[in-house]
Amino acid sequence: MIEMKKLANEAAERYNRYRFPEATVKVLNTTDNSIEVLFEGPFVNSCCFYDWIDDYKIELMDLSGIKFEILDIEQIDIEKFKVKFKANITR
C-alpha cells in the first residue's frame, strides 16, 4: 500500500523545484485515497490555469503509477487555491 503523505510531499518537492516562483504547492492533508494541497503564486494570472494544477497530478502519477482526479478547487485568496485530489485505487 502506498503511503499517501510521503507521495504527496515528494510530488510537492518535485513540483516546487521546477515551477517556483510562478507556482508552489504545499501539502495540507492526506487520507488513504486523497490529497489536499495549497497552490500559491502568480500563475493564476497566466493562461493555462488548470495546466499548473494538472502538473502536480502528473507528478503524483509519475511517482506512484496511480491515476488521480481533481475533486475540488477552492479559491482562498487572489493567488491561493486549495485543491483536493482523489486516487483511483482499485482493490
PDB file of N, CA and C in Angstrom:
ATOM      1  N   MET A   1       0.850  -1.190   0.000  1.00  0.00           N
ATOM      2  CA  MET A   1       0.000   0.000   0.000  1.00  0.00           C
ATOM      3  C   MET A   1       0.887   1.242   0.000  1.00  0.00           C
ATOM      4  N   ILE A   2       0.518   2.200  -0.780  1.00  0.00           N
ATOM      5  CA  ILE A   2       1.297   3.429  -0.896  1.00  0.00           C
ATOM      6  C   ILE A   2       0.996   4.358   0.279  1.00  0.00           C
ATOM      7  N   GLU A   3       2.034   4.987   0.801  1.00  0.00           N
ATOM      8  CA  GLU A   3       1.854   5.965   1.869  1.00  0.00           C
ATOM      9  C   GLU A   3       1.565   7.317   1.221  1.00  0.00           C
ATOM     10  N   MET A   4       0.323   7.762   1.339  1.00  0.00           N
ATOM     11  CA  MET A   4      -0.145   8.953   0.629  1.00  0.00           C
ATOM     12  C   MET A   4       0.596  10.226   1.059  1.00  0.00           C
ATOM     13  N   LYS A   5       0.883  10.366   2.344  1.00  0.00           N
ATOM     14  CA  LYS A   5       1.574  11.575   2.820  1.00  0.00           C
ATOM     15  C   LYS A   5       2.974  11.673   2.221  1.00  0.00           C
ATOM     16  N   LYS A   6       3.680  10.565   2.200  1.00  0.00           N
ATOM     17  CA  LYS A   6       5.025  10.544   1.623  1.00  0.00           C
ATOM     18  C   LYS A   6       4.965  10.867   0.126  1.00  0.00           C
ATOM     19  N   LEU A   7       4.022  10.265  -0.570  1.00  0.00           N
ATOM     20  CA  LEU A   7       3.843  10.520  -2.002  1.00  0.00           C
ATOM     21  C   LEU A   7       3.532  11.992  -2.250  1.00  0.00           C
ATOM     22  N   ALA A   8       2.591  12.546  -1.486  1.00  0.00           N
ATOM     23  CA  ALA A   8       2.185  13.941  -1.655  1.00  0.00           C
ATOM     24  C   ALA A   8       3.359  14.893  -1.446  1.00  0.00           C
ATOM     25  N   ASN A   9       4.154  14.641  -0.421  1.00  0.00           N
ATOM     26  CA  ASN A   9       5.305  15.508  -0.133  1.00  0.00           C
ATOM     27  C   ASN A   9       6.398  15.392  -1.185  1.00  0.00           C
ATOM     28  N   GLU A  10       6.648  14.187  -1.660  1.00  0.00           N
ATOM     29  CA  GLU A  10       7.666  14.002  -2.702  1.00  0.00           C
ATOM     30  C   GLU A  10       7.226  14.677  -4.010  1.00  0.00           C
ATOM     31  N   ALA A  11       5.960  14.546  -4.347  1.00  0.00           N
ATOM     32  CA  ALA A  11       5.439  15.211  -5.554  1.00  0.00           C
ATOM     33  C   ALA A  11       5.519  16.731  -5.395  1.00  0.00           C
ATOM     34  N   ALA A  12       5.233  17.237  -4.197  1.00  0.00           N
ATOM     35  CA  ALA A  12       5.318  18.678  -3.937  1.00  0.00           C
ATOM     36  C   ALA A  12       6.755  19.171  -4.083  1.00  0.00           C
ATOM     37  N   GLU A  13       7.695  18.392  -3.580  1.00  0.00           N
ATOM     38  CA  GLU A  13       9.108  18.767  -3.703  1.00  0.00           C
ATOM     39  C   GLU A  13       9.520  18.863  -5.169  1.00  0.00           C
ATOM     40  N   ARG A  14       9.143  17.882  -5.959  1.00  0.00           N
ATOM     41  CA  ARG A  14       9.470  17.903  -7.392  1.00  0.00           C
ATOM     42  C   ARG A  14       8.768  19.055  -8.107  1.00  0.00           C
ATOM     43  N   TYR A  15       7.501  19.257  -7.790  1.00  0.00           N
ATOM     44  CA  TYR A  15       6.721  20.333  -8.401  1.00  0.00           C
ATOM     45  C   TYR A  15       7.368  21.693  -8.114  1.00  0.00           C
ATOM     46  N   ASN A  16       7.670  21.935  -6.851  1.00  0.00           N
ATOM     47  CA  ASN A  16       8.230  23.233  -6.455  1.00  0.00           C
ATOM     48  C   ASN A  16       9.621  23.467  -7.039  1.00  0.00           C
ATOM     49  N   ARG A  17      10.376  22.420  -7.210  1.00  0.00           N
ATOM     50  CA  ARG A  17      11.730  22.547  -7.762  1.00  0.00           C
ATOM     51  C   ARG A  17      11.701  23.148  -9.166  1.00  0.00           C
ATOM     52  N   TYR A  18      10.707  22.786  -9.942  1.00  0.00           N
ATOM     53  CA  TYR A  18      10.678  23.213 -11.338  1.00  0.00           C
ATOM     54  C   TYR A  18       9.685  24.333 -11.650  1.00  0.00           C
ATOM     55  N   ARG A  19       8.811  24.656 -10.720  1.00  0.00           N
ATOM     56  CA  ARG A  19       7.777  25.649 -11.024  1.00  0.00           C
ATOM     57  C   ARG A  19       7.858  26.923 -10.187  1.00  0.00           C
ATOM     58  N   PHE A  20       8.716  26.932  -9.170  1.00  0.00           N
ATOM     59  CA  PHE A  20       8.932  28.134  -8.365  1.00  0.00           C
ATOM     60  C   PHE A  20       9.657  29.169  -9.202  1.00  0.00           C
ATOM     61  N   PRO A  21       9.353  30.430  -9.176  1.00  0.00           N
ATOM     62  CA  PRO A  21       8.457  31.144  -8.272  1.00  0.00           C
ATOM     63  C   PRO A  21       7.043  31.353  -8.823  1.00  0.00           C
ATOM     64  N   GLU A  22       6.754  30.877 -10.036  1.00  0.00           N
ATOM     65  CA  GLU A  22       5.422  31.093 -10.603  1.00  0.00           C
ATOM     66  C   GLU A  22       4.337  30.369  -9.813  1.00  0.00           C
ATOM     67  N   ALA A  23       4.675  29.187  -9.299  1.00  0.00           N
ATOM     68  CA  ALA A  23       3.714  28.406  -8.526  1.00  0.00           C
ATOM     69  C   ALA A  23       4.453  27.563  -7.506  1.00  0.00           C
ATOM     70  N   THR A  24       3.833  27.413  -6.350  1.00  0.00           N
ATOM     71  CA  THR A  24       4.327  26.476  -5.343  1.00  0.00           C
ATOM     72  C   THR A  24       3.130  25.698  -4.816  1.00  0.00           C
ATOM     73  N   VAL A  25       3.408  24.525  -4.288  1.00  0.00           N
ATOM     74  CA  VAL A  25       2.360  23.697  -3.710  1.00  0.00           C
ATOM     75  C   VAL A  25       2.808  23.260  -2.317  1.00  0.00           C
ATOM     76  N   LYS A  26       1.845  23.247  -1.397  1.00  0.00           N
ATOM     77  CA  LYS A  26       2.095  22.814  -0.021  1.00  0.00           C
ATOM     78  C   LYS A  26       1.028  21.793   0.340  1.00  0.00           C
ATOM     79  N   VAL A  27       1.442  20.662   0.892  1.00  0.00           N
ATOM     80  CA  VAL A  27       0.504  19.612   1.277  1.00  0.00           C
ATOM     81  C   VAL A  27      -0.205  20.041   2.567  1.00  0.00           C
ATOM     82  N   LEU A  28      -1.535  19.998   2.530  1.00  0.00           N
ATOM     83  CA  LEU A  28      -2.336  20.375   3.696  1.00  0.00           C
ATOM     84  C   LEU A  28      -2.846  19.169   4.461  1.00  0.00           C
ATOM     85  N   ASN A  29      -3.288  18.138   3.716  1.00  0.00           N
ATOM     86  CA  ASN A  29      -3.912  16.990   4.361  1.00  0.00           C
ATOM     87  C   ASN A  29      -3.863  15.788   3.423  1.00  0.00           C
ATOM     88  N   THR A  30      -3.777  14.604   4.007  1.00  0.00           N
ATOM     89  CA  THR A  30      -3.848  13.374   3.214  1.00  0.00           C
ATOM     90  C   THR A  30      -4.726  12.352   3.944  1.00  0.00           C
ATOM     91  N   THR A  31      -5.343  11.484   3.161  1.00  0.00           N
ATOM     92  CA  THR A  31      -6.054  10.325   3.694  1.00  0.00           C
ATOM     93  C   THR A  31      -5.535   9.118   2.921  1.00  0.00           C
ATOM     94  N   ASP A  32      -6.168   7.974   3.097  1.00  0.00           N
ATOM     95  CA  ASP A  32      -5.737   6.772   2.375  1.00  0.00           C
ATOM     96  C   ASP A  32      -5.904   6.898   0.866  1.00  0.00           C
ATOM     97  N   ASN A  33      -6.835   7.767   0.418  1.00  0.00           N
ATOM     98  CA  ASN A  33      -7.060   7.871  -1.023  1.00  0.00           C
ATOM     99  C   ASN A  33      -7.215   9.308  -1.528  1.00  0.00           C
ATOM    100  N   SER A  34      -6.827  10.295  -0.706  1.00  0.00           N
ATOM    101  CA  SER A  34      -6.936  11.674  -1.185  1.00  0.00           C
ATOM    102  C   SER A  34      -5.797  12.543  -0.664  1.00  0.00           C
ATOM    103  N   ILE A  35      -5.576  13.630  -1.389  1.00  0.00           N
ATOM    104  CA  ILE A  35      -4.527  14.594  -1.058  1.00  0.00           C
ATOM    105  C   ILE A  35      -5.119  15.987  -1.238  1.00  0.00           C
ATOM    106  N   GLU A  36      -4.919  16.834  -0.235  1.00  0.00           N
ATOM    107  CA  GLU A  36      -5.367  18.219  -0.329  1.00  0.00           C
ATOM    108  C   GLU A  36      -4.138  19.118  -0.239  1.00  0.00           C
ATOM    109  N   VAL A  37      -4.005  20.022  -1.207  1.00  0.00           N
ATOM    110  CA  VAL A  37      -2.830  20.888  -1.272  1.00  0.00           C
ATOM    111  C   VAL A  37      -3.245  22.340  -1.476  1.00  0.00           C
ATOM    112  N   LEU A  38      -2.298  23.235  -1.208  1.00  0.00           N
ATOM    113  CA  LEU A  38      -2.500  24.659  -1.432  1.00  0.00           C
ATOM    114  C   LEU A  38      -1.541  25.113  -2.523  1.00  0.00           C
ATOM    115  N   PHE A  39      -2.086  25.648  -3.597  1.00  0.00           N
ATOM    116  CA  PHE A  39      -1.292  26.237  -4.675  1.00  0.00           C
ATOM    117  C   PHE A  39      -1.214  27.734  -4.437  1.00  0.00           C
ATOM    118  N   GLU A  40      -0.004  28.292  -4.570  1.00  0.00           N
ATOM    119  CA  GLU A  40       0.178  29.730  -4.421  1.00  0.00           C
ATOM    120  C   GLU A  40       1.057  30.253  -5.545  1.00  0.00           C
ATOM    121  N   GLY A  41       0.806  31.501  -5.943  1.00  0.00           N
ATOM    122  CA  GLY A  41       1.678  32.140  -6.911  1.00  0.00           C
ATOM    123  C   GLY A  41       0.941  32.890  -7.987  1.00  0.00           C
ATOM    124  N   PRO A  42       1.697  33.651  -8.753  1.00  0.00           N
ATOM    125  CA  PRO A  42       1.104  34.455  -9.818  1.00  0.00           C
ATOM    126  C   PRO A  42       0.649  33.649 -11.031  1.00  0.00           C
ATOM    127  N   PHE A  43       0.832  32.339 -11.023  1.00  0.00           N
ATOM    128  CA  PHE A  43       0.374  31.503 -12.139  1.00  0.00           C
ATOM    129  C   PHE A  43      -1.113  31.697 -12.391  1.00  0.00           C
ATOM    130  N   VAL A  44      -1.854  32.092 -11.369  1.00  0.00           N
ATOM    131  CA  VAL A  44      -3.304  32.243 -11.509  1.00  0.00           C
ATOM    132  C   VAL A  44      -3.661  33.345 -12.495  1.00  0.00           C
ATOM    133  N   ASN A  45      -2.730  34.249 -12.753  1.00  0.00           N
ATOM    134  CA  ASN A  45      -2.970  35.345 -13.692  1.00  0.00           C
ATOM    135  C   ASN A  45      -2.522  35.012 -15.108  1.00  0.00           C
ATOM    136  N   SER A  46      -1.981  33.831 -15.292  1.00  0.00           N
ATOM    137  CA  SER A  46      -1.484  33.452 -16.617  1.00  0.00           C
ATOM    138  C   SER A  46      -2.509  32.579 -17.325  1.00  0.00           C
ATOM    139  N   CYS A  47      -2.209  32.295 -18.560  1.00  0.00           N
ATOM    140  CA  CYS A  47      -3.070  31.373 -19.284  1.00  0.00           C
ATOM    141  C   CYS A  47      -2.817  29.959 -18.766  1.00  0.00           C
ATOM    142  N   CYS A  48      -3.672  29.070 -19.134  1.00  0.00           N
ATOM    143  CA  CYS A  48      -3.487  27.654 -18.813  1.00  0.00           C
ATOM    144  C   CYS A  48      -3.514  27.383 -17.310  1.00  0.00           C
ATOM    145  N   PHE A  49      -4.409  28.038 -16.588  1.00  0.00           N
ATOM    146  CA  PHE A  49      -4.535  27.887 -15.139  1.00  0.00           C
ATOM    147  C   PHE A  49      -4.575  26.415 -14.729  1.00  0.00           C
ATOM    148  N   TYR A  50      -5.410  25.629 -15.372  1.00  0.00           N
ATOM    149  CA  TYR A  50      -5.576  24.226 -14.987  1.00  0.00           C
ATOM    150  C   TYR A  50      -4.339  23.382 -15.277  1.00  0.00           C
ATOM    151  N   ASP A  51      -3.524  23.800 -16.227  1.00  0.00           N
ATOM    152  CA  ASP A  51      -2.290  23.064 -16.516  1.00  0.00           C
ATOM    153  C   ASP A  51      -1.354  23.061 -15.313  1.00  0.00           C
ATOM    154  N   TRP A  52      -1.320  24.165 -14.570  1.00  0.00           N
ATOM    155  CA  TRP A  52      -0.463  24.239 -13.379  1.00  0.00           C
ATOM    156  C   TRP A  52      -0.911  23.221 -12.331  1.00  0.00           C
ATOM    157  N   ILE A  53      -2.206  23.036 -12.210  1.00  0.00           N
ATOM    158  CA  ILE A  53      -2.749  22.065 -11.264  1.00  0.00           C
ATOM    159  C   ILE A  53      -2.549  20.649 -11.786  1.00  0.00           C
ATOM    160  N   ASP A  54      -2.780  20.453 -13.059  1.00  0.00           N
ATOM    161  CA  ASP A  54      -2.558  19.132 -13.659  1.00  0.00           C
ATOM    162  C   ASP A  54      -1.104  18.684 -13.534  1.00  0.00           C
ATOM    163  N   ASP A  55      -0.178  19.625 -13.549  1.00  0.00           N
ATOM    164  CA  ASP A  55       1.238  19.262 -13.407  1.00  0.00           C
ATOM    165  C   ASP A  55       1.510  18.555 -12.089  1.00  0.00           C
ATOM    166  N   TYR A  56       0.848  18.971 -11.012  1.00  0.00           N
ATOM    167  CA  TYR A  56       1.021  18.272  -9.729  1.00  0.00           C
ATOM    168  C   TYR A  56       0.417  16.872  -9.813  1.00  0.00           C
ATOM    169  N   LYS A  57      -0.733  16.768 -10.443  1.00  0.00           N
ATOM    170  CA  LYS A  57      -1.378  15.462 -10.625  1.00  0.00           C
ATOM    171  C   LYS A  57      -0.457  14.520 -11.404  1.00  0.00           C
ATOM    172  N   ILE A  58       0.220  15.044 -12.401  1.00  0.00           N
ATOM    173  CA  ILE A  58       1.160  14.246 -13.196  1.00  0.00           C
ATOM    174  C   ILE A  58       2.344  13.795 -12.347  1.00  0.00           C
ATOM    175  N   GLU A  59       2.844  14.676 -11.476  1.00  0.00           N
ATOM    176  CA  GLU A  59       3.928  14.285 -10.563  1.00  0.00           C
ATOM    177  C   GLU A  59       3.475  13.122  -9.681  1.00  0.00           C
ATOM    178  N   LEU A  60       2.259  13.206  -9.160  1.00  0.00           N
ATOM    179  CA  LEU A  60       1.721  12.121  -8.329  1.00  0.00           C
ATOM    180  C   LEU A  60       1.677  10.813  -9.109  1.00  0.00           C
ATOM    181  N   MET A  61       1.174  10.869 -10.333  1.00  0.00           N
ATOM    182  CA  MET A  61       1.057   9.661 -11.153  1.00  0.00           C
ATOM    183  C   MET A  61       2.420   9.098 -11.537  1.00  0.00           C
ATOM    184  N   ASP A  62       3.373   9.990 -11.870  1.00  0.00           N
ATOM    185  CA  ASP A  62       4.710   9.528 -12.239  1.00  0.00           C
ATOM    186  C   ASP A  62       5.391   8.803 -11.083  1.00  0.00           C
ATOM    187  N   LEU A  63       5.186   9.288  -9.875  1.00  0.00           N
ATOM    188  CA  LEU A  63       5.828   8.691  -8.705  1.00  0.00           C
ATOM    189  C   LEU A  63       5.158   7.411  -8.232  1.00  0.00           C
ATOM    190  N   SER A  64       3.859   7.287  -8.463  1.00  0.00           N
ATOM    191  CA  SER A  64       3.117   6.162  -7.875  1.00  0.00           C
ATOM    192  C   SER A  64       2.546   5.171  -8.882  1.00  0.00           C
ATOM    193  N   GLY A  65       2.349   5.618 -10.118  1.00  0.00           N
ATOM    194  CA  GLY A  65       1.674   4.769 -11.093  1.00  0.00           C
ATOM    195  C   GLY A  65       0.164   4.743 -10.896  1.00  0.00           C
ATOM    196  N   ILE A  66      -0.340   5.569  -9.982  1.00  0.00           N
ATOM    197  CA  ILE A  66      -1.770   5.638  -9.687  1.00  0.00           C
ATOM    198  C   ILE A  66      -2.362   6.861 -10.373  1.00  0.00           C
ATOM    199  N   LYS A  67      -3.541   6.691 -10.962  1.00  0.00           N
ATOM    200  CA  LYS A  67      -4.223   7.831 -11.575  1.00  0.00           C
ATOM    201  C   LYS A  67      -4.947   8.630 -10.494  1.00  0.00           C
ATOM    202  N   PHE A  68      -4.891   9.946 -10.631  1.00  0.00           N
ATOM    203  CA  PHE A  68      -5.561  10.852  -9.707  1.00  0.00           C
ATOM    204  C   PHE A  68      -6.534  11.728 -10.476  1.00  0.00           C
ATOM    205  N   GLU A  69      -7.599  12.128  -9.795  1.00  0.00           N
ATOM    206  CA  GLU A  69      -8.547  13.073 -10.380  1.00  0.00           C
ATOM    207  C   GLU A  69      -8.719  14.245  -9.427  1.00  0.00           C
ATOM    208  N   ILE A  70      -9.087  15.378  -9.982  1.00  0.00           N
ATOM    209  CA  ILE A  70      -9.330  16.572  -9.181  1.00  0.00           C
ATOM    210  C   ILE A  70     -10.772  16.517  -8.687  1.00  0.00           C
ATOM    211  N   LEU A  71     -10.941  16.591  -7.371  1.00  0.00           N
ATOM    212  CA  LEU A  71     -12.281  16.574  -6.793  1.00  0.00           C
ATOM    213  C   LEU A  71     -12.833  17.973  -6.579  1.00  0.00           C
ATOM    214  N   ASP A  72     -11.962  18.904  -6.179  1.00  0.00           N
ATOM    215  CA  ASP A  72     -12.437  20.234  -5.826  1.00  0.00           C
ATOM    216  C   ASP A  72     -11.322  21.257  -5.962  1.00  0.00           C
ATOM    217  N   ILE A  73     -11.688  22.454  -6.413  1.00  0.00           N
ATOM    218  CA  ILE A  73     -10.774  23.595  -6.464  1.00  0.00           C
ATOM    219  C   ILE A  73     -11.489  24.748  -5.772  1.00  0.00           C
ATOM    220  N   GLU A  74     -10.861  25.275  -4.731  1.00  0.00           N
ATOM    221  CA  GLU A  74     -11.461  26.372  -3.968  1.00  0.00           C
ATOM    222  C   GLU A  74     -10.489  27.545  -3.916  1.00  0.00           C
ATOM    223  N   GLN A  75     -10.928  28.707  -4.353  1.00  0.00           N
ATOM    224  CA  GLN A  75     -10.073  29.891  -4.279  1.00  0.00           C
ATOM    225  C   GLN A  75     -10.112  30.422  -2.853  1.00  0.00           C
ATOM    226  N   ILE A  76      -8.928  30.570  -2.255  1.00  0.00           N
ATOM    227  CA  ILE A  76      -8.786  31.032  -0.879  1.00  0.00           C
ATOM    228  C   ILE A  76      -8.472  32.519  -0.841  1.00  0.00           C
ATOM    229  N   ASP A  77      -7.673  32.973  -1.787  1.00  0.00           N
ATOM    230  CA  ASP A  77      -7.235  34.362  -1.873  1.00  0.00           C
ATOM    231  C   ASP A  77      -6.897  34.632  -3.340  1.00  0.00           C
ATOM    232  N   ILE A  78      -6.407  35.816  -3.627  1.00  0.00           N
ATOM    233  CA  ILE A  78      -6.106  36.195  -5.016  1.00  0.00           C
ATOM    234  C   ILE A  78      -5.161  35.201  -5.690  1.00  0.00           C
ATOM    235  N   GLU A  79      -4.119  34.777  -4.997  1.00  0.00           N
ATOM    236  CA  GLU A  79      -3.136  33.858  -5.593  1.00  0.00           C
ATOM    237  C   GLU A  79      -3.033  32.550  -4.814  1.00  0.00           C
ATOM    238  N   LYS A  80      -4.131  32.111  -4.204  1.00  0.00           N
ATOM    239  CA  LYS A  80      -4.128  30.873  -3.420  1.00  0.00           C
ATOM    240  C   LYS A  80      -5.355  30.032  -3.741  1.00  0.00           C
ATOM    241  N   PHE A  81      -5.086  28.761  -4.028  1.00  0.00           N
ATOM    242  CA  PHE A  81      -6.161  27.820  -4.331  1.00  0.00           C
ATOM    243  C   PHE A  81      -5.936  26.524  -3.572  1.00  0.00           C
ATOM    244  N   LYS A  82      -6.977  26.040  -2.925  1.00  0.00           N
ATOM    245  CA  LYS A  82      -6.933  24.745  -2.261  1.00  0.00           C
ATOM    246  C   LYS A  82      -7.523  23.729  -3.230  1.00  0.00           C
ATOM    247  N   VAL A  83      -6.784  22.649  -3.461  1.00  0.00           N
ATOM    248  CA  VAL A  83      -7.211  21.639  -4.434  1.00  0.00           C
ATOM    249  C   VAL A  83      -7.173  20.265  -3.779  1.00  0.00           C
ATOM    250  N   LYS A  84      -8.230  19.505  -3.999  1.00  0.00           N
ATOM    251  CA  LYS A  84      -8.297  18.142  -3.471  1.00  0.00           C
ATOM    252  C   LYS A  84      -8.239  17.152  -4.628  1.00  0.00           C
ATOM    253  N   PHE A  85      -7.339  16.185  -4.496  1.00  0.00           N
ATOM    254  CA  PHE A  85      -7.156  15.121  -5.479  1.00  0.00           C
ATOM    255  C   PHE A  85      -7.581  13.794  -4.862  1.00  0.00           C
ATOM    256  N   LYS A  86      -8.137  12.924  -5.684  1.00  0.00           N
ATOM    257  CA  LYS A  86      -8.519  11.583  -5.237  1.00  0.00           C
ATOM    258  C   LYS A  86      -7.794  10.557  -6.082  1.00  0.00           C
ATOM    259  N   ALA A  87      -7.242   9.563  -5.394  1.00  0.00           N
ATOM    260  CA  ALA A  87      -6.564   8.468  -6.081  1.00  0.00           C
ATOM    261  C   ALA A  87      -7.597   7.449  -6.545  1.00  0.00           C
ATOM    262  N   ASN A  88      -7.440   6.985  -7.761  1.00  0.00           N
ATOM    263  CA  ASN A  88      -8.302   5.932  -8.305  1.00  0.00           C
ATOM    264  C   ASN A  88      -7.645   4.590  -8.028  1.00  0.00           C
ATOM    265  N   ILE A  89      -7.845   4.131  -6.817  1.00  0.00           N
ATOM    266  CA  ILE A  89      -7.229   2.875  -6.367  1.00  0.00           C
ATOM    267  C   ILE A  89      -8.294   1.792  -6.385  1.00  0.00           C
ATOM    268  N   THR A  90      -8.010   0.726  -7.111  1.00  0.00           N
ATOM    269  CA  THR A  90      -8.933  -0.410  -7.130  1.00  0.00           C
ATOM    270  C   THR A  90      -8.319  -1.522  -6.291  1.00  0.00           C
ATOM    271  N   ARG A  91      -9.151  -2.129  -5.501  1.00  0.00           N
ATOM    272  CA  ARG A  91      -8.658  -3.194  -4.614  1.00  0.00           C
ATOM    273  C   ARG A  91      -9.380  -4.467  -4.870  1.00  0.00           C
TER     274      ARG A  91
END
